[in-house]
């Protein structure tokens, strides 16, 4: 499945089911087991059900709530709390959407 055929990240669960991608709560365990910052833009993430891959932040992704992550020192402080990738009290990544992308494509590119 190429980038052009990827379901919209905000698509309904029905669209994801139709693409053959597990939906959280229906057999998909989207909780995160581990995270490692590979550099100042890329994380390696593994979910509790074994789904794993890379989460890549493009330059454009470092805006709004994620603006502080432009700081490489902060970015590399990514950790897992209660099944979520977090940096501090204000910054986290949605594990369900991340799981969908890693299951289907092995990567999640945040733009």
PDB file of N, CA and C in Angstrom:
ATOM      1  N   UNK A   1       0.849  -1.161   0.000  1.00  0.00           N
ATOM      2  CA  UNK A   1       0.000   0.000   0.000  1.00  0.00           C
ATOM      3  C   UNK A   1       0.899   1.229   0.000  1.00  0.00           C
ATOM      4  N   UNK A   2       0.838   2.032  -1.019  1.00  0.00           N
ATOM      5  CA  UNK A   2       1.670   3.217  -1.125  1.00  0.00           C
ATOM      6  C   UNK A   2       1.055   4.400  -0.425  1.00  0.00           C
ATOM      7  N   UNK A   3       1.836   5.484  -0.359  1.00  0.00           N
ATOM      8  CA  UNK A   3       1.377   6.689   0.323  1.00  0.00           C
ATOM      9  C   UNK A   3       0.080   7.207  -0.276  1.00  0.00           C
ATOM     10  N   UNK A   4      -0.092   7.063  -1.583  1.00  0.00           N
ATOM     11  CA  UNK A   4      -1.296   7.576  -2.236  1.00  0.00           C
ATOM     12  C   UNK A   4      -2.544   6.808  -1.826  1.00  0.00           C
ATOM     13  N   UNK A   5      -2.382   5.554  -1.371  1.00  0.00           N
ATOM     14  CA  UNK A   5      -3.546   4.746  -1.008  1.00  0.00           C
ATOM     15  C   UNK A   5      -3.753   4.679   0.503  1.00  0.00           C
ATOM     16  N   UNK A   6      -2.959   5.409   1.257  1.00  0.00           N
ATOM     17  CA  UNK A   6      -3.114   5.395   2.704  1.00  0.00           C
ATOM     18  C   UNK A   6      -4.432   6.041   3.087  1.00  0.00           C
ATOM     19  N   UNK A   7      -5.173   5.412   4.016  1.00  0.00           N
ATOM     20  CA  UNK A   7      -6.392   6.059   4.493  1.00  0.00           C
ATOM     21  C   UNK A   7      -6.046   7.374   5.176  1.00  0.00           C
ATOM     22  N   UNK A   8      -6.960   8.316   5.095  1.00  0.00           N
ATOM     23  CA  UNK A   8      -6.804   9.580   5.792  1.00  0.00           C
ATOM     24  C   UNK A   8      -6.606   9.283   7.271  1.00  0.00           C
ATOM     25  N   UNK A   9      -5.610   9.884   7.925  1.00  0.00           N
ATOM     26  CA  UNK A   9      -5.375   9.591   9.339  1.00  0.00           C
ATOM     27  C   UNK A   9      -6.577   9.900  10.224  1.00  0.00           C
ATOM     28  N   UNK A  10      -7.467  10.751   9.758  1.00  0.00           N
ATOM     29  CA  UNK A  10      -8.634  11.111  10.549  1.00  0.00           C
ATOM     30  C   UNK A  10      -9.897  10.434  10.020  1.00  0.00           C
ATOM     31  N   UNK A  11      -9.715   9.434   9.161  1.00  0.00           N
ATOM     32  CA  UNK A  11     -10.853   8.709   8.589  1.00  0.00           C
ATOM     33  C   UNK A  11     -11.587   7.941   9.678  1.00  0.00           C
ATOM     34  N   UNK A  12     -12.775   7.518   9.344  1.00  0.00           N
ATOM     35  CA  UNK A  12     -13.582   6.743  10.289  1.00  0.00           C
ATOM     36  C   UNK A  12     -12.987   5.354  10.485  1.00  0.00           C
ATOM     37  N   UNK A  13     -13.391   4.704  11.557  1.00  0.00           N
ATOM     38  CA  UNK A  13     -12.951   3.327  11.796  1.00  0.00           C
ATOM     39  C   UNK A  13     -13.374   2.416  10.650  1.00  0.00           C
ATOM     40  N   UNK A  14     -14.503   2.705  10.020  1.00  0.00           N
ATOM     41  CA  UNK A  14     -14.967   1.888   8.901  1.00  0.00           C
ATOM     42  C   UNK A  14     -13.966   1.929   7.745  1.00  0.00           C
ATOM     43  N   UNK A  15     -13.406   3.090   7.488  1.00  0.00           N
ATOM     44  CA  UNK A  15     -12.409   3.215   6.413  1.00  0.00           C
ATOM     45  C   UNK A  15     -11.159   2.409   6.742  1.00  0.00           C
ATOM     46  N   UNK A  16     -10.762   2.426   8.000  1.00  0.00           N
ATOM     47  CA  UNK A  16      -9.591   1.649   8.400  1.00  0.00           C
ATOM     48  C   UNK A  16      -9.892   0.151   8.329  1.00  0.00           C
ATOM     49  N   UNK A  17     -11.088  -0.259   8.782  1.00  0.00           N
ATOM     50  CA  UNK A  17     -11.465  -1.680   8.671  1.00  0.00           C
ATOM     51  C   UNK A  17     -11.439  -2.131   7.219  1.00  0.00           C
ATOM     52  N   UNK A  18     -11.972  -1.311   6.332  1.00  0.00           N
ATOM     53  CA  UNK A  18     -12.024  -1.648   4.905  1.00  0.00           C
ATOM     54  C   UNK A  18     -10.626  -1.823   4.332  1.00  0.00           C
ATOM     55  N   UNK A  19      -9.649  -1.122   4.894  1.00  0.00           N
ATOM     56  CA  UNK A  19      -8.260  -1.246   4.436  1.00  0.00           C
ATOM     57  C   UNK A  19      -7.551  -2.423   5.104  1.00  0.00           C
ATOM     58  N   UNK A  20      -8.276  -3.147   5.990  1.00  0.00           N
ATOM     59  CA  UNK A  20      -7.694  -4.314   6.648  1.00  0.00           C
ATOM     60  C   UNK A  20      -6.793  -3.969   7.818  1.00  0.00           C
ATOM     61  N   UNK A  21      -6.991  -2.791   8.402  1.00  0.00           N
ATOM     62  CA  UNK A  21      -6.152  -2.333   9.501  1.00  0.00           C
ATOM     63  C   UNK A  21      -6.943  -2.441  10.800  1.00  0.00           C
ATOM     64  N   UNK A  22      -6.377  -3.104  11.830  1.00  0.00           N
ATOM     65  CA  UNK A  22      -7.094  -3.269  13.087  1.00  0.00           C
ATOM     66  C   UNK A  22      -7.514  -1.930  13.695  1.00  0.00           C
ATOM     67  N   UNK A  23      -8.651  -1.961  14.322  1.00  0.00           N
ATOM     68  CA  UNK A  23      -9.203  -0.778  14.977  1.00  0.00           C
ATOM     69  C   UNK A  23      -9.020  -0.949  16.480  1.00  0.00           C
ATOM     70  N   UNK A  24      -8.544   0.093  17.174  1.00  0.00           N
ATOM     71  CA  UNK A  24      -8.405  -0.025  18.626  1.00  0.00           C
ATOM     72  C   UNK A  24      -9.722  -0.462  19.260  1.00  0.00           C
ATOM     73  N   UNK A  25      -9.595  -1.364  20.216  1.00  0.00           N
ATOM     74  CA  UNK A  25     -10.779  -1.892  20.884  1.00  0.00           C
ATOM     75  C   UNK A  25     -11.366  -3.103  20.180  1.00  0.00           C
ATOM     76  N   UNK A  26     -10.852  -3.420  18.998  1.00  0.00           N
ATOM     77  CA  UNK A  26     -11.321  -4.583  18.235  1.00  0.00           C
ATOM     78  C   UNK A  26     -10.139  -5.493  17.917  1.00  0.00           C
ATOM     79  N   UNK A  27      -9.381  -5.826  18.937  1.00  0.00           N
ATOM     80  CA  UNK A  27      -8.247  -6.722  18.756  1.00  0.00           C
ATOM     81  C   UNK A  27      -6.912  -6.019  18.639  1.00  0.00           C
ATOM     82  N   UNK A  28      -6.913  -4.728  18.437  1.00  0.00           N
ATOM     83  CA  UNK A  28      -5.659  -3.993  18.356  1.00  0.00           C
ATOM     84  C   UNK A  28      -5.313  -3.469  19.746  1.00  0.00           C
ATOM     85  N   UNK A  29      -4.103  -3.783  20.202  1.00  0.00           N
ATOM     86  CA  UNK A  29      -3.635  -3.251  21.487  1.00  0.00           C
ATOM     87  C   UNK A  29      -2.703  -2.101  21.161  1.00  0.00           C
ATOM     88  N   UNK A  30      -3.237  -0.900  21.187  1.00  0.00           N
ATOM     89  CA  UNK A  30      -2.481   0.247  20.728  1.00  0.00           C
ATOM     90  C   UNK A  30      -1.611   0.881  21.812  1.00  0.00           C
ATOM     91  N   UNK A  31      -1.602   0.324  23.011  1.00  0.00           N
ATOM     92  CA  UNK A  31      -0.730   0.882  24.053  1.00  0.00           C
ATOM     93  C   UNK A  31       0.731   0.739  23.631  1.00  0.00           C
ATOM     94  N   UNK A  32       1.528   1.743  23.952  1.00  0.00           N
ATOM     95  CA  UNK A  32       2.947   1.748  23.601  1.00  0.00           C
ATOM     96  C   UNK A  32       3.741   1.060  24.698  1.00  0.00           C
ATOM     97  N   UNK A  33       4.661   0.180  24.279  1.00  0.00           N
ATOM     98  CA  UNK A  33       5.542  -0.533  25.204  1.00  0.00           C
ATOM     99  C   UNK A  33       6.863   0.213  25.374  1.00  0.00           C
ATOM    100  N   UNK A  34       7.417   0.706  24.250  1.00  0.00           N
ATOM    101  CA  UNK A  34       8.725   1.372  24.334  1.00  0.00           C
ATOM    102  C   UNK A  34       8.853   2.437  23.261  1.00  0.00           C
ATOM    103  N   UNK A  35       9.696   3.413  23.550  1.00  0.00           N
ATOM    104  CA  UNK A  35      10.002   4.476  22.598  1.00  0.00           C
ATOM    105  C   UNK A  35      11.476   4.832  22.741  1.00  0.00           C
ATOM    106  N   UNK A  36      12.104   5.118  21.611  1.00  0.00           N
ATOM    107  CA  UNK A  36      13.493   5.542  21.594  1.00  0.00           C
ATOM    108  C   UNK A  36      13.640   6.630  20.536  1.00  0.00           C
ATOM    109  N   UNK A  37      14.241   7.740  20.922  1.00  0.00           N
ATOM    110  CA  UNK A  37      14.537   8.794  19.955  1.00  0.00           C
ATOM    111  C   UNK A  37      15.779   8.374  19.178  1.00  0.00           C
ATOM    112  N   UNK A  38      15.635   8.226  17.857  1.00  0.00           N
ATOM    113  CA  UNK A  38      16.764   7.838  17.009  1.00  0.00           C
ATOM    114  C   UNK A  38      17.605   9.041  16.633  1.00  0.00           C
ATOM    115  N   UNK A  39      16.962  10.197  16.557  1.00  0.00           N
ATOM    116  CA  UNK A  39      17.644  11.469  16.322  1.00  0.00           C
ATOM    117  C   UNK A  39      16.681  12.568  16.754  1.00  0.00           C
ATOM    118  N   UNK A  40      16.872  13.786  16.290  1.00  0.00           N
ATOM    119  CA  UNK A  40      16.039  14.898  16.746  1.00  0.00           C
ATOM    120  C   UNK A  40      14.712  15.021  16.002  1.00  0.00           C
ATOM    121  N   UNK A  41      14.406  14.056  15.102  1.00  0.00           N
ATOM    122  CA  UNK A  41      13.162  14.089  14.338  1.00  0.00           C
ATOM    123  C   UNK A  41      12.448  12.745  14.252  1.00  0.00           C
ATOM    124  N   UNK A  42      13.092  11.678  14.712  1.00  0.00           N
ATOM    125  CA  UNK A  42      12.555  10.329  14.499  1.00  0.00           C
ATOM    126  C   UNK A  42      12.542   9.531  15.800  1.00  0.00           C
ATOM    127  N   UNK A  43      11.403   8.884  16.034  1.00  0.00           N
ATOM    128  CA  UNK A  43      11.249   7.978  17.169  1.00  0.00           C
ATOM    129  C   UNK A  43      11.074   6.556  16.652  1.00  0.00           C
ATOM    130  N   UNK A  44      11.582   5.593  17.389  1.00  0.00           N
ATOM    131  CA  UNK A  44      11.246   4.195  17.139  1.00  0.00           C
ATOM    132  C   UNK A  44      10.287   3.797  18.249  1.00  0.00           C
ATOM    133  N   UNK A  45       9.118   3.279  17.866  1.00  0.00           N
ATOM    134  CA  UNK A  45       8.054   2.964  18.822  1.00  0.00           C
ATOM    135  C   UNK A  45       7.651   1.507  18.664  1.00  0.00           C
ATOM    136  N   UNK A  46       7.420   0.843  19.801  1.00  0.00           N
ATOM    137  CA  UNK A  46       6.872  -0.512  19.777  1.00  0.00           C
ATOM    138  C   UNK A  46       5.635  -0.545  20.662  1.00  0.00           C
ATOM    139  N   UNK A  47       4.562  -1.114  20.103  1.00  0.00           N
ATOM    140  CA  UNK A  47       3.312  -1.260  20.839  1.00  0.00           C
ATOM    141  C   UNK A  47       3.283  -2.595  21.561  1.00  0.00           C
ATOM    142  N   UNK A  48       2.389  -2.711  22.522  1.00  0.00           N
ATOM    143  CA  UNK A  48       2.293  -3.927  23.347  1.00  0.00           C
ATOM    144  C   UNK A  48       1.961  -5.169  22.543  1.00  0.00           C
ATOM    145  N   UNK A  49       1.322  -5.018  21.383  1.00  0.00           N
ATOM    146  CA  UNK A  49       0.991  -6.187  20.561  1.00  0.00           C
ATOM    147  C   UNK A  49       2.072  -6.510  19.535  1.00  0.00           C
ATOM    148  N   UNK A  50       3.233  -5.836  19.635  1.00  0.00           N
ATOM    149  CA  UNK A  50       4.355  -6.121  18.749  1.00  0.00           C
ATOM    150  C   UNK A  50       4.438  -5.239  17.520  1.00  0.00           C
ATOM    151  N   UNK A  51       3.416  -4.449  17.234  1.00  0.00           N
ATOM    152  CA  UNK A  51       3.472  -3.519  16.099  1.00  0.00           C
ATOM    153  C   UNK A  51       4.525  -2.471  16.423  1.00  0.00           C
ATOM    154  N   UNK A  52       5.432  -2.233  15.468  1.00  0.00           N
ATOM    155  CA  UNK A  52       6.499  -1.265  15.714  1.00  0.00           C
ATOM    156  C   UNK A  52       6.895  -0.579  14.428  1.00  0.00           C
ATOM    157  N   UNK A  53       7.609   0.514  14.572  1.00  0.00           N
ATOM    158  CA  UNK A  53       8.083   1.270  13.422  1.00  0.00           C
ATOM    159  C   UNK A  53       8.566   2.639  13.849  1.00  0.00           C
ATOM    160  N   UNK A  54       8.711   3.521  12.864  1.00  0.00           N
ATOM    161  CA  UNK A  54       9.245   4.847  13.132  1.00  0.00           C
ATOM    162  C   UNK A  54       8.165   5.915  13.016  1.00  0.00           C
ATOM    163  N   UNK A  55       8.288   6.898  13.879  1.00  0.00           N
ATOM    164  CA  UNK A  55       7.445   8.082  13.846  1.00  0.00           C
ATOM    165  C   UNK A  55       8.367   9.225  13.443  1.00  0.00           C
ATOM    166  N   UNK A  56       8.108   9.790  12.277  1.00  0.00           N
ATOM    167  CA  UNK A  56       8.981  10.810  11.696  1.00  0.00           C
ATOM    168  C   UNK A  56       8.296  12.170  11.712  1.00  0.00           C
ATOM    169  N   UNK A  57       8.918  13.139  12.336  1.00  0.00           N
ATOM    170  CA  UNK A  57       8.414  14.508  12.355  1.00  0.00           C
ATOM    171  C   UNK A  57       9.074  15.281  11.225  1.00  0.00           C
ATOM    172  N   UNK A  58       8.280  15.826  10.312  1.00  0.00           N
ATOM    173  CA  UNK A  58       8.828  16.738   9.314  1.00  0.00           C
ATOM    174  C   UNK A  58       9.009  18.092   9.989  1.00  0.00           C
ATOM    175  N   UNK A  59       9.747  18.979   9.361  1.00  0.00           N
ATOM    176  CA  UNK A  59       9.924  20.323   9.927  1.00  0.00           C
ATOM    177  C   UNK A  59       8.583  20.992  10.172  1.00  0.00           C
ATOM    178  N   UNK A  60       7.634  20.800   9.259  1.00  0.00           N
ATOM    179  CA  UNK A  60       6.321  21.437   9.388  1.00  0.00           C
ATOM    180  C   UNK A  60       5.550  20.930  10.605  1.00  0.00           C
ATOM    181  N   UNK A  61       5.882  19.739  11.102  1.00  0.00           N
ATOM    182  CA  UNK A  61       5.171  19.185  12.255  1.00  0.00           C
ATOM    183  C   UNK A  61       5.519  19.913  13.549  1.00  0.00           C
ATOM    184  N   UNK A  62       6.649  20.589  13.569  1.00  0.00           N
ATOM    185  CA  UNK A  62       7.091  21.288  14.772  1.00  0.00           C
ATOM    186  C   UNK A  62       6.450  22.668  14.862  1.00  0.00           C
ATOM    187  N   UNK A  63       5.131  22.668  14.959  1.00  0.00           N
ATOM    188  CA  UNK A  63       4.391  23.924  15.111  1.00  0.00           C
ATOM    189  C   UNK A  63       3.273  23.684  16.121  1.00  0.00           C
ATOM    190  N   UNK A  64       2.634  24.741  16.538  1.00  0.00           N
ATOM    191  CA  UNK A  64       1.558  24.607  17.506  1.00  0.00           C
ATOM    192  C   UNK A  64       2.046  23.932  18.774  1.00  0.00           C
ATOM    193  N   UNK A  65       1.289  22.947  19.237  1.00  0.00           N
ATOM    194  CA  UNK A  65       1.635  22.248  20.474  1.00  0.00           C
ATOM    195  C   UNK A  65       2.999  21.573  20.406  1.00  0.00           C
ATOM    196  N   UNK A  66       3.433  21.173  19.193  1.00  0.00           N
ATOM    197  CA  UNK A  66       4.704  20.463  19.047  1.00  0.00           C
ATOM    198  C   UNK A  66       5.906  21.389  18.831  1.00  0.00           C
ATOM    199  N   UNK A  67       5.692  22.699  18.828  1.00  0.00           N
ATOM    200  CA  UNK A  67       6.787  23.665  18.652  1.00  0.00           C
ATOM    201  C   UNK A  67       7.942  23.411  19.620  1.00  0.00           C
ATOM    202  N   UNK A  68       7.690  23.133  20.903  1.00  0.00           N
ATOM    203  CA  UNK A  68       8.812  22.899  21.828  1.00  0.00           C
ATOM    204  C   UNK A  68       9.708  21.728  21.423  1.00  0.00           C
ATOM    205  N   UNK A  69       9.180  20.790  20.645  1.00  0.00           N
ATOM    206  CA  UNK A  69       9.979  19.620  20.255  1.00  0.00           C
ATOM    207  C   UNK A  69      11.045  19.951  19.217  1.00  0.00           C
ATOM    208  N   UNK A  70      11.069  21.188  18.728  1.00  0.00           N
ATOM    209  CA  UNK A  70      12.181  21.618  17.867  1.00  0.00           C
ATOM    210  C   UNK A  70      13.500  21.521  18.630  1.00  0.00           C
ATOM    211  N   UNK A  71      13.412  21.626  19.939  1.00  0.00           N
ATOM    212  CA  UNK A  71      14.591  21.516  20.791  1.00  0.00           C
ATOM    213  C   UNK A  71      15.000  20.044  20.827  1.00  0.00           C
ATOM    214  N   UNK A  72      16.145  19.701  20.229  1.00  0.00           N
ATOM    215  CA  UNK A  72      16.556  18.286  20.167  1.00  0.00           C
ATOM    216  C   UNK A  72      16.687  17.623  21.538  1.00  0.00           C
ATOM    217  N   UNK A  73      17.082  18.383  22.542  1.00  0.00           N
ATOM    218  CA  UNK A  73      17.221  17.822  23.885  1.00  0.00           C
ATOM    219  C   UNK A  73      15.859  17.381  24.416  1.00  0.00           C
ATOM    220  N   UNK A  74      14.844  18.223  24.250  1.00  0.00           N
ATOM    221  CA  UNK A  74      13.498  17.857  24.682  1.00  0.00           C
ATOM    222  C   UNK A  74      12.963  16.694  23.855  1.00  0.00           C
ATOM    223  N   UNK A  75      13.150  16.738  22.532  1.00  0.00           N
ATOM    224  CA  UNK A  75      12.649  15.666  21.672  1.00  0.00           C
ATOM    225  C   UNK A  75      13.167  14.307  22.142  1.00  0.00           C
ATOM    226  N   UNK A  76      14.446  14.265  22.505  1.00  0.00           N
ATOM    227  CA  UNK A  76      15.072  13.003  22.895  1.00  0.00           C
ATOM    228  C   UNK A  76      14.635  12.529  24.278  1.00  0.00           C
ATOM    229  N   UNK A  77      13.843  13.324  24.985  1.00  0.00           N
ATOM    230  CA  UNK A  77      13.327  12.933  26.295  1.00  0.00           C
ATOM    231  C   UNK A  77      12.015  12.160  26.201  1.00  0.00           C
ATOM    232  N   UNK A  78      11.629  11.752  25.008  1.00  0.00           N
ATOM    233  CA  UNK A  78      10.390  10.975  24.834  1.00  0.00           C
ATOM    234  C   UNK A  78      10.429   9.742  25.734  1.00  0.00           C
ATOM    235  N   UNK A  79       9.286   9.456  26.350  1.00  0.00           N
ATOM    236  CA  UNK A  79       9.183   8.289  27.228  1.00  0.00           C
ATOM    237  C   UNK A  79       7.758   7.741  27.150  1.00  0.00           C
ATOM    238  N   UNK A  80       7.545   6.594  27.755  1.00  0.00           N
ATOM    239  CA  UNK A  80       6.221   5.972  27.771  1.00  0.00           C
ATOM    240  C   UNK A  80       5.621   6.120  29.162  1.00  0.00           C
ATOM    241  N   UNK A  81       4.389   6.610  29.191  1.00  0.00           N
ATOM    242  CA  UNK A  81       3.615   6.657  30.429  1.00  0.00           C
ATOM    243  C   UNK A  81       2.211   6.160  30.134  1.00  0.00           C
ATOM    244  N   UNK A  82       1.800   5.135  30.849  1.00  0.00           N
ATOM    245  CA  UNK A  82       0.448   4.584  30.716  1.00  0.00           C
ATOM    246  C   UNK A  82       0.093   4.245  29.272  1.00  0.00           C
ATOM    247  N   UNK A  83       1.087   3.756  28.518  1.00  0.00           N
ATOM    248  CA  UNK A  83       0.840   3.334  27.141  1.00  0.00           C
ATOM    249  C   UNK A  83       0.871   4.447  26.104  1.00  0.00           C
ATOM    250  N   UNK A  84       1.258   5.632  26.502  1.00  0.00           N
ATOM    251  CA  UNK A  84       1.338   6.783  25.595  1.00  0.00           C
ATOM    252  C   UNK A  84       2.780   7.261  25.490  1.00  0.00           C
ATOM    253  N   UNK A  85       3.175   7.792  24.328  1.00  0.00           N
ATOM    254  CA  UNK A  85       4.452   8.493  24.187  1.00  0.00           C
ATOM    255  C   UNK A  85       4.222   9.910  24.689  1.00  0.00           C
ATOM    256  N   UNK A  86       5.036  10.316  25.658  1.00  0.00           N
ATOM    257  CA  UNK A  86       4.900  11.644  26.247  1.00  0.00           C
ATOM    258  C   UNK A  86       6.267  12.305  26.370  1.00  0.00           C
ATOM    259  N   UNK A  87       6.213  13.618  26.489  1.00  0.00           N
ATOM    260  CA  UNK A  87       7.413  14.399  26.781  1.00  0.00           C
ATOM    261  C   UNK A  87       7.266  15.123  28.108  1.00  0.00           C
ATOM    262  N   UNK A  88       6.133  15.741  28.320  1.00  0.00           N
ATOM    263  CA  UNK A  88       5.844  16.422  29.576  1.00  0.00           C
ATOM    264  C   UNK A  88       4.329  16.415  29.751  1.00  0.00           C
ATOM    265  N   UNK A  89       3.840  17.207  30.662  1.00  0.00           N
ATOM    266  CA  UNK A  89       2.401  17.202  30.936  1.00  0.00           C
ATOM    267  C   UNK A  89       1.561  17.695  29.764  1.00  0.00           C
ATOM    268  N   UNK A  90       2.163  18.404  28.838  1.00  0.00           N
ATOM    269  CA  UNK A  90       1.410  19.012  27.737  1.00  0.00           C
ATOM    270  C   UNK A  90       1.595  18.324  26.388  1.00  0.00           C
ATOM    271  N   UNK A  91       2.597  17.470  26.253  1.00  0.00           N
ATOM    272  CA  UNK A  91       2.923  16.895  24.951  1.00  0.00           C
ATOM    273  C   UNK A  91       2.814  15.380  24.951  1.00  0.00           C
ATOM    274  N   UNK A  92       2.005  14.855  24.027  1.00  0.00           N
ATOM    275  CA  UNK A  92       1.895  13.409  23.870  1.00  0.00           C
ATOM    276  C   UNK A  92       1.449  13.108  22.444  1.00  0.00           C
ATOM    277  N   UNK A  93       1.534  11.839  22.087  1.00  0.00           N
ATOM    278  CA  UNK A  93       1.087  11.367  20.772  1.00  0.00           C
ATOM    279  C   UNK A  93      -0.053  10.374  20.957  1.00  0.00           C
ATOM    280  N   UNK A  94      -1.047  10.463  20.095  1.00  0.00           N
ATOM    281  CA  UNK A  94      -2.183   9.549  20.153  1.00  0.00           C
ATOM    282  C   UNK A  94      -1.736   8.138  19.778  1.00  0.00           C
ATOM    283  N   UNK A  95      -1.763   7.192  20.715  1.00  0.00           N
ATOM    284  CA  UNK A  95      -1.255   5.856  20.415  1.00  0.00           C
ATOM    285  C   UNK A  95      -2.114   5.083  19.420  1.00  0.00           C
ATOM    286  N   UNK A  96      -3.420   5.362  19.361  1.00  0.00           N
ATOM    287  CA  UNK A  96      -4.274   4.618  18.441  1.00  0.00           C
ATOM    288  C   UNK A  96      -3.979   4.977  16.992  1.00  0.00           C
ATOM    289  N   UNK A  97      -3.848   6.240  16.687  1.00  0.00           N
ATOM    290  CA  UNK A  97      -3.542   6.662  15.326  1.00  0.00           C
ATOM    291  C   UNK A  97      -2.132   6.225  14.925  1.00  0.00           C
ATOM    292  N   UNK A  98      -1.195   6.315  15.866  1.00  0.00           N
ATOM    293  CA  UNK A  98       0.168   5.860  15.617  1.00  0.00           C
ATOM    294  C   UNK A  98       0.162   4.369  15.288  1.00  0.00           C
ATOM    295  N   UNK A  99      -0.578   3.572  16.070  1.00  0.00           N
ATOM    296  CA  UNK A  99      -0.659   2.127  15.849  1.00  0.00           C
ATOM    297  C   UNK A  99      -1.165   1.824  14.451  1.00  0.00           C
ATOM    298  N   UNK A 100      -2.200   2.525  14.023  1.00  0.00           N
ATOM    299  CA  UNK A 100      -2.767   2.303  12.687  1.00  0.00           C
ATOM    300  C   UNK A 100      -1.708   2.477  11.613  1.00  0.00           C
ATOM    301  N   UNK A 101      -0.974   3.552  11.692  1.00  0.00           N
ATOM    302  CA  UNK A 101       0.036   3.832  10.674  1.00  0.00           C
ATOM    303  C   UNK A 101       1.195   2.848  10.738  1.00  0.00           C
ATOM    304  N   UNK A 102       1.651   2.522  11.938  1.00  0.00           N
ATOM    305  CA  UNK A 102       2.771   1.588  12.049  1.00  0.00           C
ATOM    306  C   UNK A 102       2.363   0.190  11.606  1.00  0.00           C
ATOM    307  N   UNK A 103       1.146  -0.221  11.914  1.00  0.00           N
ATOM    308  CA  UNK A 103       0.657  -1.528  11.474  1.00  0.00           C
ATOM    309  C   UNK A 103       0.632  -1.600   9.952  1.00  0.00           C
ATOM    310  N   UNK A 104       0.100  -0.568   9.329  1.00  0.00           N
ATOM    311  CA  UNK A 104      -0.116  -0.589   7.877  1.00  0.00           C
ATOM    312  C   UNK A 104       1.138  -0.258   7.081  1.00  0.00           C
ATOM    313  N   UNK A 105       1.954   0.670   7.579  1.00  0.00           N
ATOM    314  CA  UNK A 105       3.027   1.208   6.751  1.00  0.00           C
ATOM    315  C   UNK A 105       4.411   1.121   7.383  1.00  0.00           C
ATOM    316  N   UNK A 106       4.489   0.764   8.666  1.00  0.00           N
ATOM    317  CA  UNK A 106       5.781   0.713   9.335  1.00  0.00           C
ATOM    318  C   UNK A 106       6.325   2.071   9.720  1.00  0.00           C
ATOM    319  N   UNK A 107       5.560   3.111   9.402  1.00  0.00           N
ATOM    320  CA  UNK A 107       5.983   4.464   9.759  1.00  0.00           C
ATOM    321  C   UNK A 107       4.765   5.369   9.880  1.00  0.00           C
ATOM    322  N   UNK A 108       4.947   6.421  10.628  1.00  0.00           N
ATOM    323  CA  UNK A 108       3.934   7.470  10.746  1.00  0.00           C
ATOM    324  C   UNK A 108       4.653   8.776  10.513  1.00  0.00           C
ATOM    325  N   UNK A 109       4.313   9.464   9.465  1.00  0.00           N
ATOM    326  CA  UNK A 109       4.974  10.725   9.128  1.00  0.00           C
ATOM    327  C   UNK A 109       4.050  11.857   9.535  1.00  0.00           C
ATOM    328  N   UNK A 110       4.524  12.650  10.488  1.00  0.00           N
ATOM    329  CA  UNK A 110       3.758  13.790  10.965  1.00  0.00           C
ATOM    330  C   UNK A 110       4.174  15.011  10.170  1.00  0.00           C
ATOM    331  N   UNK A 111       3.188  15.661   9.566  1.00  0.00           N
ATOM    332  CA  UNK A 111       3.460  16.824   8.718  1.00  0.00           C
ATOM    333  C   UNK A 111       2.865  18.078   9.294  1.00  0.00           C
TER     334      UNK A 111
END
